[in-house]
Amino acid sequence: MEIRVLRYFLTVVREQSITKASEVLHITQPTLSRQLAQLEEEVGVRLFERGARRITLTNEGLLLRRRAEEILQLVDKTERELIEQEEQIEGTITIGGGELASVSVLPRLVSSFRERYPRVRFDLYTATADHVKDQMDRGLVDIGLLLEPIDIEKYDFIRPDIKERWVVLMPPDAPLASEEAVTAEQLSTVPLILPRRLKVQSELASWFGDYFPRLNLLFTSNLSTNAAVMVSHGLAYALVIEGGVPFLDRSRITYRPLLPDLTATSVLAWKRGQPFSPAAAKFISHIKYLLGMSGA
């Protein structure tokens, strides 16, 4: 399966027409049709439903589109990194992470690094720890700021000395807003939004204890911002990490800590043995120098 043919395939998917795709690619229509037929023969499945006016994808075609996009993204990233080998340190370093208090370590790292390498840019990718870790395994994210618990057996990491505190989001006029802190018993009586990550749910289940089976779970959510929208409309209370709260609309959202207090830690991690671009390798060395391998 050639990279060139995958680009042809995605162009046809985007244009929904072999004729239009051939014009975009500056190749003849018969040549493009032959390449697509050979691709279908190579993978052994039909990729397209050829209609009178447009082309649509079969289920197998949808899968190939998703994988082709990932492959080409990785190819493009690799090509950029190879070019950087012969030039002054530049390029883009991708950092993935959630809405965490420990994100506050990044500005100091980035600003001091750019004093020495001003041509380096950063791509901030916001997602849950599980998703960021998956992108790291695929080579699409260089460094991850991951909320624990997370399996980091295959990673080198630094654990910033910042506690991630769990809090409950609620509208300012909610009954529990009159409390200084909120207990598991009180939360067992109201509709809730919990994080989607199963490992995090397990941590919260331990905190709730016997009240966990009684919870009125209305939503699960992967990030606190969308959960906050549901909260602002009075649908439920949401358990989130405090780090993302300062950026919410405080006229529509308030929050209270849990009682007893529940905290977590996070790690700044990168895959062990991964071949990094010169820029990413330099930045990892910079992290180690400023934060130290034993913590920030």
C-alpha atoms as a PDB file:
ATOM      1  CA  MET A   1       0.000   0.000   0.000  1.00  0.00           C
ATOM      2  CA  GLU A   2       1.773   3.129  -1.240  1.00  0.00           C
ATOM      3  CA  ILE A   3       1.590   6.500   0.497  1.00  0.00           C
ATOM      4  CA  ARG A   4       0.882   8.144  -2.865  1.00  0.00           C
ATOM      5  CA  VAL A   5      -2.162   5.925  -3.423  1.00  0.00           C
ATOM      6  CA  LEU A   6      -3.466   6.683   0.081  1.00  0.00           C
ATOM      7  CA  ARG A   7      -3.316  10.385  -0.796  1.00  0.00           C
ATOM      8  CA  TYR A   8      -5.249   9.628  -3.990  1.00  0.00           C
ATOM      9  CA  PHE A   9      -7.816   7.696  -1.955  1.00  0.00           C
ATOM     10  CA  LEU A  10      -8.360  10.525   0.543  1.00  0.00           C
ATOM     11  CA  THR A  11      -8.693  13.082  -2.241  1.00  0.00           C
ATOM     12  CA  VAL A  12     -11.462  11.011  -3.845  1.00  0.00           C
ATOM     13  CA  VAL A  13     -13.150  10.715  -0.446  1.00  0.00           C
ATOM     14  CA  ARG A  14     -12.989  14.478   0.022  1.00  0.00           C
ATOM     15  CA  GLU A  15     -14.202  15.362  -3.476  1.00  0.00           C
ATOM     16  CA  GLN A  16     -16.733  12.474  -3.630  1.00  0.00           C
ATOM     17  CA  SER A  17     -15.940  12.211  -7.321  1.00  0.00           C
ATOM     18  CA  ILE A  18     -13.157  10.602  -9.339  1.00  0.00           C
ATOM     19  CA  THR A  19     -13.474  13.310 -11.985  1.00  0.00           C
ATOM     20  CA  LYS A  20     -13.049  16.160  -9.484  1.00  0.00           C
ATOM     21  CA  ALA A  21     -10.294  14.315  -7.628  1.00  0.00           C
ATOM     22  CA  SER A  22      -8.329  13.740 -10.838  1.00  0.00           C
ATOM     23  CA  GLU A  23      -8.474  17.478 -11.540  1.00  0.00           C
ATOM     24  CA  VAL A  24      -7.207  18.298  -8.045  1.00  0.00           C
ATOM     25  CA  LEU A  25      -4.428  15.713  -8.331  1.00  0.00           C
ATOM     26  CA  HIS A  26      -3.547  16.696 -11.921  1.00  0.00           C
ATOM     27  CA  ILE A  27      -3.733  13.132 -13.189  1.00  0.00           C
ATOM     28  CA  THR A  28      -6.056  11.563 -15.736  1.00  0.00           C
ATOM     29  CA  GLN A  29      -9.325  10.002 -14.655  1.00  0.00           C
ATOM     30  CA  PRO A  30      -8.456   6.543 -16.081  1.00  0.00           C
ATOM     31  CA  THR A  31      -5.148   6.587 -14.189  1.00  0.00           C
ATOM     32  CA  LEU A  32      -6.894   7.457 -10.915  1.00  0.00           C
ATOM     33  CA  SER A  33      -9.601   4.841 -11.450  1.00  0.00           C
ATOM     34  CA  ARG A  34      -6.947   2.202 -12.127  1.00  0.00           C
ATOM     35  CA  GLN A  35      -5.043   3.147  -8.944  1.00  0.00           C
ATOM     36  CA  LEU A  36      -8.220   2.847  -6.859  1.00  0.00           C
ATOM     37  CA  ALA A  37      -9.093  -0.511  -8.412  1.00  0.00           C
ATOM     38  CA  GLN A  38      -5.600  -1.782  -7.628  1.00  0.00           C
ATOM     39  CA  LEU A  39      -5.965  -0.524  -4.048  1.00  0.00           C
ATOM     40  CA  GLU A  40      -9.236  -2.420  -3.614  1.00  0.00           C
ATOM     41  CA  GLU A  41      -7.615  -5.533  -5.084  1.00  0.00           C
ATOM     42  CA  GLU A  42      -4.642  -5.174  -2.748  1.00  0.00           C
ATOM     43  CA  VAL A  43      -6.715  -4.855   0.436  1.00  0.00           C
ATOM     44  CA  GLY A  44      -9.213  -7.468  -0.758  1.00  0.00           C
ATOM     45  CA  VAL A  45     -12.390  -5.505  -0.015  1.00  0.00           C
ATOM     46  CA  ARG A  46     -14.647  -3.019  -1.784  1.00  0.00           C
ATOM     47  CA  LEU A  47     -13.975   0.516  -0.574  1.00  0.00           C
ATOM     48  CA  PHE A  48     -16.492   2.558  -2.566  1.00  0.00           C
ATOM     49  CA  GLU A  49     -20.165   2.575  -3.461  1.00  0.00           C
ATOM     50  CA  ARG A  50     -20.212   4.192  -6.887  1.00  0.00           C
ATOM     51  CA  GLY A  51     -23.463   6.124  -7.319  1.00  0.00           C
ATOM     52  CA  ALA A  52     -24.734   8.062 -10.303  1.00  0.00           C
ATOM     53  CA  ARG A  53     -23.713  11.436  -8.890  1.00  0.00           C
ATOM     54  CA  ARG A  54     -21.190  10.786  -6.171  1.00  0.00           C
ATOM     55  CA  ILE A  55     -19.009   8.167  -4.556  1.00  0.00           C
ATOM     56  CA  THR A  56     -19.603   7.039  -0.961  1.00  0.00           C
ATOM     57  CA  LEU A  57     -17.562   4.777   1.281  1.00  0.00           C
ATOM     58  CA  THR A  58     -18.367   1.261   2.396  1.00  0.00           C
ATOM     59  CA  ASN A  59     -17.765   0.353   6.050  1.00  0.00           C
ATOM     60  CA  GLU A  60     -14.347  -0.951   5.019  1.00  0.00           C
ATOM     61  CA  GLY A  61     -13.718   2.314   3.188  1.00  0.00           C
ATOM     62  CA  LEU A  62     -14.576   4.306   6.314  1.00  0.00           C
ATOM     63  CA  LEU A  63     -12.036   2.278   8.297  1.00  0.00           C
ATOM     64  CA  LEU A  64      -9.346   2.809   5.664  1.00  0.00           C
ATOM     65  CA  ARG A  65     -10.062   6.543   5.609  1.00  0.00           C
ATOM     66  CA  ARG A  66      -9.499   6.800   9.352  1.00  0.00           C
ATOM     67  CA  ARG A  67      -6.299   4.759   9.204  1.00  0.00           C
ATOM     68  CA  ALA A  68      -5.055   6.575   6.074  1.00  0.00           C
ATOM     69  CA  GLU A  69      -5.487   9.942   7.793  1.00  0.00           C
ATOM     70  CA  GLU A  70      -3.466   8.681  10.780  1.00  0.00           C
ATOM     71  CA  ILE A  71      -0.771   7.191   8.539  1.00  0.00           C
ATOM     72  CA  LEU A  72      -0.376  10.338   6.447  1.00  0.00           C
ATOM     73  CA  GLN A  73      -0.345  12.527   9.527  1.00  0.00           C
ATOM     74  CA  LEU A  74       2.498  10.410  10.896  1.00  0.00           C
ATOM     75  CA  VAL A  75       4.307  10.416   7.527  1.00  0.00           C
ATOM     76  CA  ASP A  76       4.080  14.211   7.266  1.00  0.00           C
ATOM     77  CA  LYS A  77       5.304  14.576  10.845  1.00  0.00           C
ATOM     78  CA  THR A  78       8.241  12.244  10.139  1.00  0.00           C
ATOM     79  CA  GLU A  79       9.186  14.118   6.975  1.00  0.00           C
ATOM     80  CA  ARG A  80       9.249  17.396   8.894  1.00  0.00           C
ATOM     81  CA  GLU A  81      11.444  15.822  11.572  1.00  0.00           C
ATOM     82  CA  LEU A  82      13.910  14.475   8.992  1.00  0.00           C
ATOM     83  CA  ILE A  83      14.209  17.917   7.426  1.00  0.00           C
ATOM     84  CA  GLU A  84      14.909  19.397  10.863  1.00  0.00           C
ATOM     85  CA  GLN A  85      17.926  17.098  11.218  1.00  0.00           C
ATOM     86  CA  GLU A  86      19.799  19.183   8.622  1.00  0.00           C
ATOM     87  CA  GLU A  87      18.689  22.623   9.765  1.00  0.00           C
ATOM     88  CA  GLN A  88      18.809  24.855  12.791  1.00  0.00           C
ATOM     89  CA  ILE A  89      16.619  23.492  15.577  1.00  0.00           C
ATOM     90  CA  GLU A  90      13.046  24.299  14.626  1.00  0.00           C
ATOM     91  CA  GLY A  91       9.745  22.568  14.077  1.00  0.00           C
ATOM     92  CA  THR A  92       6.699  21.801  16.187  1.00  0.00           C
ATOM     93  CA  ILE A  93       6.591  19.985  19.515  1.00  0.00           C
ATOM     94  CA  THR A  94       3.205  18.471  20.326  1.00  0.00           C
ATOM     95  CA  ILE A  95       2.190  18.439  23.985  1.00  0.00           C
ATOM     96  CA  GLY A  96      -1.008  16.677  25.017  1.00  0.00           C
ATOM     97  CA  GLY A  97      -2.798  17.072  28.292  1.00  0.00           C
ATOM     98  CA  GLY A  98      -6.027  17.543  30.152  1.00  0.00           C
ATOM     99  CA  GLU A  99      -7.498  20.520  31.984  1.00  0.00           C
ATOM    100  CA  LEU A 100      -5.140  20.304  34.937  1.00  0.00           C
ATOM    101  CA  ALA A 101      -3.521  22.579  37.499  1.00  0.00           C
ATOM    102  CA  SER A 102      -0.151  21.126  36.477  1.00  0.00           C
ATOM    103  CA  VAL A 103      -0.480  22.776  33.063  1.00  0.00           C
ATOM    104  CA  SER A 104       0.936  25.765  34.944  1.00  0.00           C
ATOM    105  CA  VAL A 105       4.434  24.201  34.673  1.00  0.00           C
ATOM    106  CA  LEU A 106       4.386  24.570  30.886  1.00  0.00           C
ATOM    107  CA  PRO A 107       4.690  28.380  30.471  1.00  0.00           C
ATOM    108  CA  ARG A 108       8.030  28.467  32.313  1.00  0.00           C
ATOM    109  CA  LEU A 109       9.323  25.491  30.338  1.00  0.00           C
ATOM    110  CA  VAL A 110       8.213  26.886  26.985  1.00  0.00           C
ATOM    111  CA  SER A 111       9.330  30.482  27.514  1.00  0.00           C
ATOM    112  CA  SER A 112      12.803  29.523  28.726  1.00  0.00           C
ATOM    113  CA  PHE A 113      13.199  26.991  25.912  1.00  0.00           C
ATOM    114  CA  ARG A 114      12.228  29.523  23.233  1.00  0.00           C
ATOM    115  CA  GLU A 115      14.857  31.946  24.496  1.00  0.00           C
ATOM    116  CA  ARG A 116      17.392  29.484  23.132  1.00  0.00           C
ATOM    117  CA  TYR A 117      15.367  27.993  20.272  1.00  0.00           C
ATOM    118  CA  PRO A 118      13.078  30.779  19.014  1.00  0.00           C
ATOM    119  CA  ARG A 119      12.139  28.919  15.821  1.00  0.00           C
ATOM    120  CA  VAL A 120      10.431  26.078  17.666  1.00  0.00           C
ATOM    121  CA  ARG A 121       6.652  26.154  17.914  1.00  0.00           C
ATOM    122  CA  PHE A 122       4.332  24.205  20.190  1.00  0.00           C
ATOM    123  CA  ASP A 123       1.066  22.426  19.494  1.00  0.00           C
ATOM    124  CA  LEU A 124      -1.140  22.041  22.576  1.00  0.00           C
ATOM    125  CA  TYR A 125      -3.531  19.103  22.298  1.00  0.00           C
ATOM    126  CA  THR A 126      -6.254  18.869  24.949  1.00  0.00           C
ATOM    127  CA  ALA A 127      -7.740  15.464  25.722  1.00  0.00           C
ATOM    128  CA  THR A 128      -8.028  12.879  28.472  1.00  0.00           C
ATOM    129  CA  ALA A 129      -4.945  11.016  29.675  1.00  0.00           C
ATOM    130  CA  ASP A 130      -6.013   7.774  27.973  1.00  0.00           C
ATOM    131  CA  HIS A 131      -6.459   9.490  24.617  1.00  0.00           C
ATOM    132  CA  VAL A 132      -3.233  11.479  24.888  1.00  0.00           C
ATOM    133  CA  LYS A 133      -1.351   8.289  25.793  1.00  0.00           C
ATOM    134  CA  ASP A 134      -2.835   6.562  22.732  1.00  0.00           C
ATOM    135  CA  GLN A 135      -1.634   9.434  20.544  1.00  0.00           C
ATOM    136  CA  MET A 136       1.817   9.173  22.143  1.00  0.00           C
ATOM    137  CA  ASP A 137       1.918   5.451  21.347  1.00  0.00           C
ATOM    138  CA  ARG A 138       1.099   6.303  17.720  1.00  0.00           C
ATOM    139  CA  GLY A 139       3.911   8.852  17.600  1.00  0.00           C
ATOM    140  CA  LEU A 140       1.521  11.769  17.072  1.00  0.00           C
ATOM    141  CA  VAL A 141       2.103  13.443  20.455  1.00  0.00           C
ATOM    142  CA  ASP A 142       5.633  13.973  21.794  1.00  0.00           C
ATOM    143  CA  ILE A 143       5.008  14.734  25.462  1.00  0.00           C
ATOM    144  CA  GLY A 144       1.940  14.123  27.604  1.00  0.00           C
ATOM    145  CA  LEU A 145       0.735  15.733  30.807  1.00  0.00           C
ATOM    146  CA  LEU A 146      -1.273  12.822  32.169  1.00  0.00           C
ATOM    147  CA  LEU A 147      -3.620  12.654  35.144  1.00  0.00           C
ATOM    148  CA  GLU A 148      -2.985   9.589  37.283  1.00  0.00           C
ATOM    149  CA  PRO A 149      -3.867   6.768  37.631  1.00  0.00           C
ATOM    150  CA  ILE A 150      -2.314   5.906  34.257  1.00  0.00           C
ATOM    151  CA  ASP A 151      -0.101   3.033  33.103  1.00  0.00           C
ATOM    152  CA  ILE A 152       3.311   4.597  32.427  1.00  0.00           C
ATOM    153  CA  GLU A 153       5.450   1.454  32.474  1.00  0.00           C
ATOM    154  CA  LYS A 154       6.810   2.225  28.980  1.00  0.00           C
ATOM    155  CA  TYR A 155       7.447   5.914  29.690  1.00  0.00           C
ATOM    156  CA  ASP A 156       9.996   8.162  31.308  1.00  0.00           C
ATOM    157  CA  PHE A 157       8.352  10.867  33.360  1.00  0.00           C
ATOM    158  CA  ILE A 158       8.539  13.646  35.895  1.00  0.00           C
ATOM    159  CA  ARG A 159       5.816  14.086  38.482  1.00  0.00           C
ATOM    160  CA  PRO A 160       5.234  17.821  39.100  1.00  0.00           C
ATOM    161  CA  ASP A 161       4.818  18.748  42.751  1.00  0.00           C
ATOM    162  CA  ILE A 162       1.270  19.997  42.143  1.00  0.00           C
ATOM    163  CA  LYS A 163      -1.805  18.393  43.645  1.00  0.00           C
ATOM    164  CA  GLU A 164      -4.834  18.000  41.394  1.00  0.00           C
ATOM    165  CA  ARG A 165      -7.867  18.540  43.637  1.00  0.00           C
ATOM    166  CA  TRP A 166     -11.290  17.135  42.850  1.00  0.00           C
ATOM    167  CA  VAL A 167     -14.198  19.561  43.166  1.00  0.00           C
ATOM    168  CA  VAL A 168     -17.921  19.652  42.363  1.00  0.00           C
ATOM    169  CA  LEU A 169     -19.304  22.093  39.798  1.00  0.00           C
ATOM    170  CA  MET A 170     -22.762  23.523  40.389  1.00  0.00           C
ATOM    171  CA  PRO A 171     -24.860  26.577  39.546  1.00  0.00           C
ATOM    172  CA  PRO A 172     -24.418  29.449  42.038  1.00  0.00           C
ATOM    173  CA  ASP A 173     -28.024  29.041  43.215  1.00  0.00           C
ATOM    174  CA  ALA A 174     -27.801  25.253  43.708  1.00  0.00           C
ATOM    175  CA  PRO A 175     -28.747  23.956  47.185  1.00  0.00           C
ATOM    176  CA  LEU A 176     -25.252  22.569  47.802  1.00  0.00           C
ATOM    177  CA  ALA A 177     -23.681  25.940  46.963  1.00  0.00           C
ATOM    178  CA  SER A 178     -24.442  26.994  50.537  1.00  0.00           C
ATOM    179  CA  GLU A 179     -22.004  24.350  51.809  1.00  0.00           C
ATOM    180  CA  GLU A 180     -18.277  24.956  52.336  1.00  0.00           C
ATOM    181  CA  ALA A 181     -17.534  21.403  51.139  1.00  0.00           C
ATOM    182  CA  VAL A 182     -19.647  18.533  49.842  1.00  0.00           C
ATOM    183  CA  THR A 183     -19.836  14.970  51.171  1.00  0.00           C
ATOM    184  CA  ALA A 184     -20.469  11.676  49.398  1.00  0.00           C
ATOM    185  CA  GLU A 185     -23.825  11.382  51.151  1.00  0.00           C
ATOM    186  CA  GLN A 186     -24.941  14.787  49.822  1.00  0.00           C
ATOM    187  CA  LEU A 187     -23.833  13.936  46.272  1.00  0.00           C
ATOM    188  CA  SER A 188     -25.723  10.638  46.390  1.00  0.00           C
ATOM    189  CA  THR A 189     -28.992  12.620  46.426  1.00  0.00           C
ATOM    190  CA  VAL A 190     -28.435  14.720  43.276  1.00  0.00           C
ATOM    191  CA  PRO A 191     -27.890  13.988  39.552  1.00  0.00           C
ATOM    192  CA  LEU A 192     -24.199  13.731  38.714  1.00  0.00           C
ATOM    193  CA  ILE A 193     -21.714  13.952  35.861  1.00  0.00           C
ATOM    194  CA  LEU A 194     -18.638  11.760  36.323  1.00  0.00           C
ATOM    195  CA  PRO A 195     -15.458  11.549  34.237  1.00  0.00           C
ATOM    196  CA  ARG A 196     -15.568   8.974  31.443  1.00  0.00           C
ATOM    197  CA  ARG A 197     -12.176   7.397  32.299  1.00  0.00           C
ATOM    198  CA  LEU A 198     -12.791   4.080  34.063  1.00  0.00           C
ATOM    199  CA  LYS A 199      -9.606   4.277  36.143  1.00  0.00           C
ATOM    200  CA  VAL A 200     -10.678   7.686  37.415  1.00  0.00           C
ATOM    201  CA  GLN A 201     -14.176   6.394  38.133  1.00  0.00           C
ATOM    202  CA  SER A 202     -12.555   3.662  40.215  1.00  0.00           C
ATOM    203  CA  GLU A 203     -10.711   6.298  42.278  1.00  0.00           C
ATOM    204  CA  LEU A 204     -13.954   8.196  42.803  1.00  0.00           C
ATOM    205  CA  ALA A 205     -15.788   4.985  43.687  1.00  0.00           C
ATOM    206  CA  SER A 206     -13.323   4.453  46.532  1.00  0.00           C
ATOM    207  CA  TRP A 207     -14.032   7.978  47.783  1.00  0.00           C
ATOM    208  CA  PHE A 208     -17.818   7.491  47.582  1.00  0.00           C
ATOM    209  CA  GLY A 209     -17.616   4.146  49.356  1.00  0.00           C
ATOM    210  CA  ASP A 210     -21.029   2.622  50.058  1.00  0.00           C
ATOM    211  CA  TYR A 211     -22.762   5.578  48.404  1.00  0.00           C
ATOM    212  CA  PHE A 212     -21.323   4.822  44.947  1.00  0.00           C
ATOM    213  CA  PRO A 213     -23.968   2.219  43.932  1.00  0.00           C
ATOM    214  CA  ARG A 214     -26.693   4.725  44.853  1.00  0.00           C
ATOM    215  CA  LEU A 215     -25.459   7.544  42.605  1.00  0.00           C
ATOM    216  CA  ASN A 216     -27.842   9.147  40.137  1.00  0.00           C
ATOM    217  CA  LEU A 217     -25.460   9.226  37.176  1.00  0.00           C
ATOM    218  CA  LEU A 218     -26.862  11.399  34.380  1.00  0.00           C
ATOM    219  CA  PHE A 219     -23.757  11.907  32.197  1.00  0.00           C
ATOM    220  CA  THR A 220     -20.173  10.873  31.797  1.00  0.00           C
ATOM    221  CA  SER A 221     -17.855  13.419  30.193  1.00  0.00           C
ATOM    222  CA  ASN A 222     -14.264  13.351  28.999  1.00  0.00           C
ATOM    223  CA  LEU A 223     -13.486  17.048  29.681  1.00  0.00           C
ATOM    224  CA  SER A 224     -14.885  19.498  32.215  1.00  0.00           C
ATOM    225  CA  THR A 225     -15.830  22.236  29.742  1.00  0.00           C
ATOM    226  CA  ASN A 226     -18.737  20.354  28.184  1.00  0.00           C
ATOM    227  CA  ALA A 227     -19.788  19.054  31.588  1.00  0.00           C
ATOM    228  CA  ALA A 228     -19.887  22.673  32.782  1.00  0.00           C
ATOM    229  CA  VAL A 229     -22.413  23.535  30.059  1.00  0.00           C
ATOM    230  CA  MET A 230     -24.754  20.861  31.416  1.00  0.00           C
ATOM    231  CA  VAL A 231     -24.177  22.130  34.946  1.00  0.00           C
ATOM    232  CA  SER A 232     -24.892  25.751  33.987  1.00  0.00           C
ATOM    233  CA  HIS A 233     -28.340  24.669  32.766  1.00  0.00           C
ATOM    234  CA  GLY A 234     -29.084  22.998  36.068  1.00  0.00           C
ATOM    235  CA  LEU A 235     -29.071  19.426  34.756  1.00  0.00           C
ATOM    236  CA  ALA A 236     -26.535  17.959  37.168  1.00  0.00           C
ATOM    237  CA  TYR A 237     -23.522  18.455  39.419  1.00  0.00           C
ATOM    238  CA  ALA A 238     -20.141  17.546  37.892  1.00  0.00           C
ATOM    239  CA  LEU A 239     -17.031  16.118  39.537  1.00  0.00           C
ATOM    240  CA  VAL A 240     -13.970  17.631  37.870  1.00  0.00           C
ATOM    241  CA  ILE A 241     -10.336  18.490  38.485  1.00  0.00           C
ATOM    242  CA  GLU A 242      -9.989  22.012  39.882  1.00  0.00           C
ATOM    243  CA  GLY A 243      -7.333  22.970  37.326  1.00  0.00           C
ATOM    244  CA  GLY A 244      -9.901  23.667  34.609  1.00  0.00           C
ATOM    245  CA  VAL A 245     -12.261  25.698  36.806  1.00  0.00           C
ATOM    246  CA  PRO A 246     -10.607  29.178  36.606  1.00  0.00           C
ATOM    247  CA  PHE A 247     -11.516  29.402  32.922  1.00  0.00           C
ATOM    248  CA  LEU A 248     -15.236  28.805  33.435  1.00  0.00           C
ATOM    249  CA  ASP A 249     -17.893  31.537  33.596  1.00  0.00           C
ATOM    250  CA  ARG A 250     -18.117  32.155  37.335  1.00  0.00           C
ATOM    251  CA  SER A 251     -21.432  33.984  36.963  1.00  0.00           C
ATOM    252  CA  ARG A 252     -22.987  30.676  35.865  1.00  0.00           C
ATOM    253  CA  ILE A 253     -20.753  28.131  37.605  1.00  0.00           C
ATOM    254  CA  THR A 254     -19.377  27.802  41.105  1.00  0.00           C
ATOM    255  CA  TYR A 255     -17.684  24.871  42.811  1.00  0.00           C
ATOM    256  CA  ARG A 256     -17.014  23.302  46.180  1.00  0.00           C
ATOM    257  CA  PRO A 257     -14.283  20.895  47.339  1.00  0.00           C
ATOM    258  CA  LEU A 258     -15.052  17.379  48.450  1.00  0.00           C
ATOM    259  CA  LEU A 259     -15.195  16.395  52.109  1.00  0.00           C
ATOM    260  CA  PRO A 260     -12.963  14.575  52.882  1.00  0.00           C
ATOM    261  CA  ASP A 261     -10.516  16.143  50.426  1.00  0.00           C
ATOM    262  CA  LEU A 262      -9.660  14.060  47.340  1.00  0.00           C
ATOM    263  CA  THR A 263      -6.508  14.787  45.336  1.00  0.00           C
ATOM    264  CA  ALA A 264      -4.592  13.222  42.461  1.00  0.00           C
ATOM    265  CA  THR A 265      -1.206  13.665  40.821  1.00  0.00           C
ATOM    266  CA  SER A 266      -0.112  14.034  37.229  1.00  0.00           C
ATOM    267  CA  VAL A 267       3.003  13.144  35.251  1.00  0.00           C
ATOM    268  CA  LEU A 268       4.840  14.879  32.430  1.00  0.00           C
ATOM    269  CA  ALA A 269       5.774  11.841  30.317  1.00  0.00           C
ATOM    270  CA  TRP A 270       7.385  10.794  27.046  1.00  0.00           C
ATOM    271  CA  LYS A 271       7.756   7.315  25.553  1.00  0.00           C
ATOM    272  CA  ARG A 272      10.934   5.486  26.451  1.00  0.00           C
ATOM    273  CA  GLY A 273      13.085   4.628  23.425  1.00  0.00           C
ATOM    274  CA  GLN A 274      11.020   6.801  21.090  1.00  0.00           C
ATOM    275  CA  PRO A 275      12.998   8.468  18.244  1.00  0.00           C
ATOM    276  CA  PHE A 276      12.183  12.158  18.711  1.00  0.00           C
ATOM    277  CA  SER A 277      12.777  15.105  16.431  1.00  0.00           C
ATOM    278  CA  PRO A 278      15.772  17.286  17.383  1.00  0.00           C
ATOM    279  CA  ALA A 279      13.403  19.920  18.766  1.00  0.00           C
ATOM    280  CA  ALA A 280      11.447  17.438  20.911  1.00  0.00           C
ATOM    281  CA  ALA A 281      14.655  15.759  22.140  1.00  0.00           C
ATOM    282  CA  LYS A 282      16.072  19.152  23.151  1.00  0.00           C
ATOM    283  CA  PHE A 283      12.847  20.052  24.936  1.00  0.00           C
ATOM    284  CA  ILE A 284      12.837  16.792  26.895  1.00  0.00           C
ATOM    285  CA  SER A 285      16.400  17.516  28.000  1.00  0.00           C
ATOM    286  CA  HIS A 286      15.240  21.001  28.982  1.00  0.00           C
ATOM    287  CA  ILE A 287      12.421  19.510  31.074  1.00  0.00           C
ATOM    288  CA  LYS A 288      14.851  17.206  32.861  1.00  0.00           C
ATOM    289  CA  TYR A 289      17.210  20.084  33.576  1.00  0.00           C
ATOM    290  CA  LEU A 290      14.554  22.438  34.962  1.00  0.00           C
ATOM    291  CA  LEU A 291      12.325  19.993  36.761  1.00  0.00           C
ATOM    292  CA  GLY A 292      14.643  17.098  37.519  1.00  0.00           C
ATOM    293  CA  MET A 293      13.751  13.451  37.044  1.00  0.00           C
ATOM    294  CA  SER A 294      12.502  13.180  40.638  1.00  0.00           C
ATOM    295  CA  GLY A 295       9.871  15.922  40.371  1.00  0.00           C
ATOM    296  CA  ALA A 296       9.271  19.628  39.849  1.00  0.00           C
END
